[in-house]
Amino acid sequence: MERNGEAAYWCLVIGYVYFDDELNEDVHQKESFSPEDLDQFYVLTLHGKSRQIGVWEYKNLHNSNAQLYEIGANRSREDYVIPPTGLDELRGKAVIVKKKAT
């Protein structure tokens, strides 16, 4: 996991699942929350290498993103949109993508 971004995860997060052992209801929905136990928090994702929806442990995605220091030796900088100030602006953060108004 600690490869300075050489194998950092990227994905489009389309949803999440949080398993709450204390919850009495079958289904519980919230607009936002701060999970107490990250071991029970998963993200539903789309990734360019698969047509399937992925289920990733949030803590693994977060830890991978936190080590993003370089784009990788086998990747071309021209293939990525990198902020002018570098990867510091992306490391440890999420980018929100919105559909362009037509």
C-alpha atoms as a PDB file:
ATOM      1  CA  MET A   1       0.000   0.000   0.000  1.00  0.00           C
ATOM      2  CA  GLU A   2       2.833   2.447   0.665  1.00  0.00           C
ATOM      3  CA  ARG A   3       4.217   2.987  -2.816  1.00  0.00           C
ATOM      4  CA  ASN A   4       3.985   6.809  -3.061  1.00  0.00           C
ATOM      5  CA  GLY A   5       1.003   6.583  -5.385  1.00  0.00           C
ATOM      6  CA  GLU A   6       2.460   4.014  -7.776  1.00  0.00           C
ATOM      7  CA  ALA A   7      -0.618   1.850  -7.204  1.00  0.00           C
ATOM      8  CA  ALA A   8      -3.017   4.322  -5.586  1.00  0.00           C
ATOM      9  CA  TYR A   9      -6.680   3.424  -5.897  1.00  0.00           C
ATOM     10  CA  TRP A  10      -8.996   5.624  -7.872  1.00  0.00           C
ATOM     11  CA  CYS A  11     -12.681   5.111  -8.402  1.00  0.00           C
ATOM     12  CA  LEU A  12     -16.005   6.817  -8.692  1.00  0.00           C
ATOM     13  CA  VAL A  13     -17.879   6.393  -5.407  1.00  0.00           C
ATOM     14  CA  ILE A  14     -21.576   5.909  -6.145  1.00  0.00           C
ATOM     15  CA  GLY A  15     -22.808   4.903  -2.710  1.00  0.00           C
ATOM     16  CA  TYR A  16     -21.918   3.502   0.664  1.00  0.00           C
ATOM     17  CA  VAL A  17     -22.899   0.816   3.137  1.00  0.00           C
ATOM     18  CA  TYR A  18     -22.462   1.065   6.876  1.00  0.00           C
ATOM     19  CA  PHE A  19     -23.204  -1.920   9.067  1.00  0.00           C
ATOM     20  CA  ASP A  20     -24.590  -0.739  12.389  1.00  0.00           C
ATOM     21  CA  ASP A  21     -24.970  -3.535  14.952  1.00  0.00           C
ATOM     22  CA  GLU A  22     -27.017  -1.232  17.191  1.00  0.00           C
ATOM     23  CA  LEU A  23     -29.633  -0.438  14.549  1.00  0.00           C
ATOM     24  CA  ASN A  24     -33.093  -1.880  15.282  1.00  0.00           C
ATOM     25  CA  GLU A  25     -34.564  -1.188  11.839  1.00  0.00           C
ATOM     26  CA  ASP A  26     -33.986  -3.314   8.744  1.00  0.00           C
ATOM     27  CA  VAL A  27     -33.210  -0.296   6.558  1.00  0.00           C
ATOM     28  CA  HIS A  28     -31.794   3.009   7.680  1.00  0.00           C
ATOM     29  CA  GLN A  29     -30.996   5.912   5.420  1.00  0.00           C
ATOM     30  CA  LYS A  30     -29.212   9.165   6.211  1.00  0.00           C
ATOM     31  CA  GLU A  31     -28.054  12.055   4.084  1.00  0.00           C
ATOM     32  CA  SER A  32     -24.697  12.183   5.867  1.00  0.00           C
ATOM     33  CA  PHE A  33     -22.972  10.803   8.916  1.00  0.00           C
ATOM     34  CA  SER A  34     -19.616  10.294  10.517  1.00  0.00           C
ATOM     35  CA  PRO A  35     -19.017   6.567  10.978  1.00  0.00           C
ATOM     36  CA  GLU A  36     -17.741   5.571  14.388  1.00  0.00           C
ATOM     37  CA  ASP A  37     -16.207   2.302  13.228  1.00  0.00           C
ATOM     38  CA  LEU A  38     -14.487   2.417   9.833  1.00  0.00           C
ATOM     39  CA  ASP A  39     -14.229  -1.392   9.826  1.00  0.00           C
ATOM     40  CA  GLN A  40     -17.970  -1.434   9.109  1.00  0.00           C
ATOM     41  CA  PHE A  41     -17.968   1.284   6.418  1.00  0.00           C
ATOM     42  CA  TYR A  42     -17.771   0.286   2.733  1.00  0.00           C
ATOM     43  CA  VAL A  43     -18.030   2.291  -0.485  1.00  0.00           C
ATOM     44  CA  LEU A  44     -19.781   1.175  -3.674  1.00  0.00           C
ATOM     45  CA  THR A  45     -17.613   2.124  -6.624  1.00  0.00           C
ATOM     46  CA  LEU A  46     -17.118   2.116 -10.354  1.00  0.00           C
ATOM     47  CA  HIS A  47     -13.603   1.647 -11.687  1.00  0.00           C
ATOM     48  CA  GLY A  48     -12.272   1.906 -15.231  1.00  0.00           C
ATOM     49  CA  LYS A  49     -10.960  -1.649 -15.241  1.00  0.00           C
ATOM     50  CA  SER A  50     -14.324  -3.302 -14.572  1.00  0.00           C
ATOM     51  CA  ARG A  51     -17.981  -3.064 -15.544  1.00  0.00           C
ATOM     52  CA  GLN A  52     -18.998  -4.431 -12.154  1.00  0.00           C
ATOM     53  CA  ILE A  53     -19.840  -2.348  -9.105  1.00  0.00           C
ATOM     54  CA  GLY A  54     -17.033  -2.753  -6.599  1.00  0.00           C
ATOM     55  CA  VAL A  55     -17.345  -2.876  -2.842  1.00  0.00           C
ATOM     56  CA  TRP A  56     -14.242  -1.534  -1.102  1.00  0.00           C
ATOM     57  CA  GLU A  57     -13.447  -1.062   2.535  1.00  0.00           C
ATOM     58  CA  TYR A  58     -13.425   2.693   3.034  1.00  0.00           C
ATOM     59  CA  LYS A  59     -10.325   2.565   5.241  1.00  0.00           C
ATOM     60  CA  ASN A  60      -8.336   0.866   2.431  1.00  0.00           C
ATOM     61  CA  LEU A  61      -9.427   3.474  -0.116  1.00  0.00           C
ATOM     62  CA  HIS A  62      -8.614   6.280   2.321  1.00  0.00           C
ATOM     63  CA  ASN A  63      -5.184   4.841   3.170  1.00  0.00           C
ATOM     64  CA  SER A  64      -4.340   4.393  -0.506  1.00  0.00           C
ATOM     65  CA  ASN A  65      -5.326   7.979  -1.307  1.00  0.00           C
ATOM     66  CA  ALA A  66      -3.261   9.275   1.621  1.00  0.00           C
ATOM     67  CA  GLN A  67      -0.049   7.925   0.033  1.00  0.00           C
ATOM     68  CA  LEU A  68      -0.541   9.657  -3.327  1.00  0.00           C
ATOM     69  CA  TYR A  69       2.774  11.440  -3.842  1.00  0.00           C
ATOM     70  CA  GLU A  70       3.523  10.656  -7.510  1.00  0.00           C
ATOM     71  CA  ILE A  71       1.624   9.448 -10.566  1.00  0.00           C
ATOM     72  CA  GLY A  72       3.821   6.416 -11.136  1.00  0.00           C
ATOM     73  CA  ALA A  73       6.735   5.649 -13.411  1.00  0.00           C
ATOM     74  CA  ASN A  74       4.649   3.741 -15.973  1.00  0.00           C
ATOM     75  CA  ARG A  75       2.091   6.535 -16.412  1.00  0.00           C
ATOM     76  CA  SER A  76       2.209   9.616 -18.582  1.00  0.00           C
ATOM     77  CA  ARG A  77       1.571  12.947 -16.849  1.00  0.00           C
ATOM     78  CA  GLU A  78      -0.343  14.070 -19.965  1.00  0.00           C
ATOM     79  CA  ASP A  79      -2.979  11.376 -19.294  1.00  0.00           C
ATOM     80  CA  TYR A  80      -4.050  12.995 -16.012  1.00  0.00           C
ATOM     81  CA  VAL A  81      -5.481  16.309 -14.873  1.00  0.00           C
ATOM     82  CA  ILE A  82      -3.091  17.305 -12.098  1.00  0.00           C
ATOM     83  CA  PRO A  83      -3.597  20.565 -10.198  1.00  0.00           C
ATOM     84  CA  PRO A  84      -0.938  23.230 -10.860  1.00  0.00           C
ATOM     85  CA  THR A  85       0.268  22.924  -7.262  1.00  0.00           C
ATOM     86  CA  GLY A  86       0.754  19.152  -7.625  1.00  0.00           C
ATOM     87  CA  LEU A  87      -0.677  16.063  -5.979  1.00  0.00           C
ATOM     88  CA  ASP A  88      -0.715  17.670  -2.516  1.00  0.00           C
ATOM     89  CA  GLU A  89      -4.006  19.216  -3.569  1.00  0.00           C
ATOM     90  CA  LEU A  90      -5.523  15.743  -4.184  1.00  0.00           C
ATOM     91  CA  ARG A  91      -3.898  13.588  -1.515  1.00  0.00           C
ATOM     92  CA  GLY A  92      -6.305  12.613   1.250  1.00  0.00           C
ATOM     93  CA  LYS A  93      -9.268  14.239  -0.499  1.00  0.00           C
ATOM     94  CA  ALA A  94     -12.188  13.343  -2.727  1.00  0.00           C
ATOM     95  CA  VAL A  95     -13.088  15.144  -5.919  1.00  0.00           C
ATOM     96  CA  ILE A  96     -16.802  15.776  -6.403  1.00  0.00           C
ATOM     97  CA  VAL A  97     -17.885  15.356 -10.002  1.00  0.00           C
ATOM     98  CA  LYS A  98     -21.107  16.998 -11.152  1.00  0.00           C
ATOM     99  CA  LYS A  99     -22.902  16.627 -14.436  1.00  0.00           C
ATOM    100  CA  LYS A 100     -22.444  19.668 -16.615  1.00  0.00           C
ATOM    101  CA  ALA A 101     -25.666  21.619 -17.159  1.00  0.00           C
ATOM    102  CA  THR A 102     -26.867  21.463 -20.751  1.00  0.00           C
END
